[in-house]
Protein backbone atom coordinates (compact mmCIF):
# COMPACT_ATOMS: atom_id res chain seq x y z
CA MET A 1 -11.56 -20.61 11.35
CA ILE A 2 -8.33 -19.18 10.47
CA TYR A 3 -7.52 -19.92 6.74
CA SER A 4 -10.62 -20.32 4.17
CA LEU A 5 -10.62 -19.76 0.31
CA GLY A 6 -13.35 -17.52 -0.86
CA SER A 7 -14.37 -14.83 -4.10
CA GLU A 8 -12.51 -11.28 -2.71
CA VAL A 9 -16.13 -9.68 -2.10
CA ASP A 10 -14.74 -5.37 -0.93
CA ASN A 11 -14.40 -3.44 -3.60
CA THR A 12 -10.13 -3.49 -4.56
CA ILE A 13 -8.16 -4.22 -7.40
CA MET A 14 -9.19 -8.18 -6.80
CA LYS A 15 -12.83 -7.75 -6.45
CA GLY A 16 -13.92 -11.45 -7.12
CA GLU A 17 -10.78 -12.94 -6.93
CA GLU A 18 -10.03 -16.83 -5.95
CA THR A 19 -8.47 -15.98 -2.21
CA LEU A 20 -7.28 -17.13 0.49
CA PHE A 21 -8.61 -15.28 4.00
CA VAL A 22 -5.96 -15.51 7.00
CA HIS A 23 -7.89 -14.66 10.68
CA GLY A 24 -4.50 -13.02 12.35
CA TRP A 25 -1.36 -13.07 12.44
CA GLN A 26 0.28 -16.98 10.81
CA HIS A 27 3.65 -18.33 9.48
CA LYS A 28 4.03 -17.47 6.07
CA GLU A 29 5.17 -20.71 5.55
CA GLU A 30 1.85 -21.88 6.31
CA ILE A 31 0.08 -19.57 4.37
CA LEU A 32 2.30 -19.15 1.57
CA ALA A 33 1.87 -23.79 1.13
CA ARG A 34 -2.19 -22.79 0.99
CA ALA A 35 -1.93 -20.19 -1.55
CA LEU A 36 0.74 -22.05 -3.98
CA ASN A 37 -2.05 -25.09 -3.25
CA ASN A 38 -4.57 -23.53 -3.95
CA LYS A 39 -3.21 -21.66 -7.33
CA VAL A 40 -4.29 -18.45 -5.36
CA HIS A 41 -2.42 -14.89 -5.91
CA HIS A 42 -4.26 -13.11 -3.58
CA ILE A 43 -4.61 -13.10 0.47
CA HIS A 44 -6.40 -11.64 2.30
CA PHE A 45 -5.34 -10.86 6.10
CA THR A 46 -8.65 -10.47 8.80
CA ASN A 47 -7.72 -9.45 12.61
CA PHE A 48 -4.88 -7.35 12.21
CA ASN A 49 -4.33 -6.30 16.35
CA PRO A 50 -0.74 -6.51 17.36
CA GLY A 51 -1.40 -6.33 21.01
CA ASN A 52 2.71 -5.21 21.42
CA ARG A 53 5.83 -3.65 19.30
CA ASN A 54 7.29 -7.61 19.42
CA GLN A 55 3.80 -8.39 17.79
CA PHE A 56 4.05 -5.36 15.15
CA ASN A 57 7.40 -6.24 14.58
CA LEU A 58 6.64 -9.83 13.62
CA TRP A 59 3.32 -8.13 10.89
CA ALA A 60 5.74 -6.13 9.88
CA ASP A 61 8.40 -9.20 8.91
CA LEU A 62 5.30 -11.43 7.11
CA LEU A 63 3.89 -8.76 5.48
CA LYS A 64 7.20 -7.33 3.83
CA GLU A 65 7.65 -11.09 2.97
CA LEU A 66 5.23 -12.22 0.58
CA LEU A 67 5.30 -8.57 -0.75
CA ALA A 68 8.03 -9.99 -1.88
CA VAL A 69 6.95 -12.60 -3.61
CA LYS A 70 6.27 -12.25 -7.28
CA ASP A 71 2.74 -12.10 -8.61
CA LEU A 72 1.35 -12.60 -5.11
CA TYR A 73 -1.41 -9.87 -3.67
CA ILE A 74 -1.34 -9.15 0.20
CA SER A 75 -5.01 -7.49 1.43
CA LEU A 76 -4.68 -5.91 4.96
CA GLU A 77 -8.15 -5.35 6.83
CA PHE A 78 -7.14 -3.42 9.66
CA THR A 79 -8.50 -0.24 11.59
CA PRO A 80 -8.12 3.73 11.83
CA ASN A 81 -5.63 3.76 15.09
CA TYR A 82 -3.30 1.73 12.49
CA CYS A 83 -2.87 3.80 9.93
CA PRO A 84 0.08 5.19 11.54
CA ASP A 85 1.76 2.06 11.68
CA ILE A 86 0.75 1.05 8.31
CA ILE A 87 2.20 3.99 6.94
CA ASN A 88 5.66 2.57 9.00
CA MET A 89 5.74 -0.37 7.76
CA GLU A 90 6.58 0.89 4.24
CA CYS A 91 4.10 -1.43 3.13
CA ASN A 92 2.82 0.95 0.86
CA ASN A 93 5.59 0.99 -1.25
CA SER A 94 4.73 -2.31 -3.00
CA ASN A 95 1.27 -1.49 -5.78
CA ASN A 96 0.85 -5.32 -4.81
CA PHE A 97 -0.50 -4.00 -1.34
CA ILE A 98 -3.74 -3.45 -0.97
CA PRO A 99 -4.55 -1.14 2.63
CA ILE A 100 -8.12 -1.69 3.85
CA LEU A 101 -8.76 0.69 6.55
CA ASN A 102 -12.12 -1.19 8.78
CA PHE A 103 -14.74 1.37 10.49
CA ILE A 104 -16.61 -0.01 12.89
CA ILE A 105 -19.36 1.57 12.82
CA PRO A 106 -22.70 -0.37 14.47
CA ASP A 107 -25.94 0.05 14.44
CA LEU A 108 -25.63 2.39 11.17
CA ALA A 109 -28.92 2.80 10.15
CA GLU A 110 -30.16 3.51 12.99
CA TYR A 111 -28.55 7.37 12.61
CA ASN A 112 -31.09 9.70 10.79
CA GLU A 113 -30.66 11.66 6.90
CA ASN A 114 -28.50 14.07 8.00
CA THR A 115 -25.81 12.08 9.04
CA CYS A 116 -21.70 12.62 7.63
CA TYR A 117 -18.39 10.31 7.45
CA LYS A 118 -15.54 12.90 7.82
CA ILE A 119 -11.88 12.11 7.31
CA ASN A 120 -9.64 14.30 9.02
CA ASP A 121 -6.21 14.74 9.78
CA LYS A 122 -5.18 13.77 13.47
CA TYR A 123 -5.33 17.12 15.40
CA LEU A 124 -4.93 18.39 12.29
CA THR A 125 -0.83 18.08 11.26
CA TYR A 126 -1.57 18.68 7.96
CA SER A 127 -0.42 15.69 6.28
CA ASN A 128 -3.56 15.80 3.39
CA ASP A 129 -4.24 18.45 1.72
CA GLY A 130 -7.67 18.65 3.02
CA ILE A 131 -10.34 17.35 4.58
CA PHE A 132 -13.29 14.83 3.09
CA SER A 133 -16.40 14.64 4.20
CA GLU A 134 -19.67 13.02 2.87
CA SER A 135 -23.30 12.06 3.71
CA ILE A 136 -24.07 9.16 5.53
CA GLU A 137 -27.29 8.61 2.42
CA LYS A 138 -24.24 8.14 -0.70
CA MET A 139 -21.73 6.20 1.19
CA THR A 140 -24.37 3.31 1.62
CA ARG A 141 -25.53 3.30 -1.12
CA LYS A 142 -26.48 -0.01 -2.72
CA SER A 143 -23.72 0.14 -5.34
CA TYR A 144 -21.80 0.01 -2.85
CA PHE A 145 -23.58 -2.63 -0.57
CA GLU A 146 -22.23 -6.63 -0.41
CA PRO A 147 -24.73 -8.81 1.37
CA TYR A 148 -22.49 -10.55 4.82
CA ILE A 149 -23.46 -13.51 3.10
CA LYS A 150 -21.21 -12.87 0.50
CA TYR A 151 -18.44 -12.26 3.25
CA THR A 152 -18.73 -15.87 4.80
CA ASN A 153 -19.69 -17.80 2.17
CA ARG A 154 -15.65 -18.88 2.24
CA ALA A 155 -14.42 -23.11 2.24
CA GLU A 156 -12.55 -23.39 5.58
CA ILE A 157 -9.13 -24.87 4.33
CA ILE A 158 -7.69 -27.65 7.44
């Protein structure tokens, strides 16, 4: 499914809002037509995975152009390896940009209660004030949990 409509599930400022979900890079005109036709003001991109510099530049241009549209919010899911690229895009300068860091941790339930997650700088470059660390048990509290059905309960748009 490339385009779908549904309620935003992630715990962002747009949680609960009707949202146009877009899988991967698509043409701006196609995205805006679907957003306007469905009267949504939030676009949530999944599958950010530029394979080369040209694709990265296409993404950067697309996001900047969409963020220039008045009252339009843009969420972008990406894995931590893209953090420097996202910062270089300068989308964070817009209050309408919602970066969603997507940490992929398979089989989380298989880890014991002593498991901890850690948010660190790359090679201790000190770009952060310090290191964030917390138990997985606290992070995976039911209040933060949403079942997969909420993420898949969307209507495809052709």
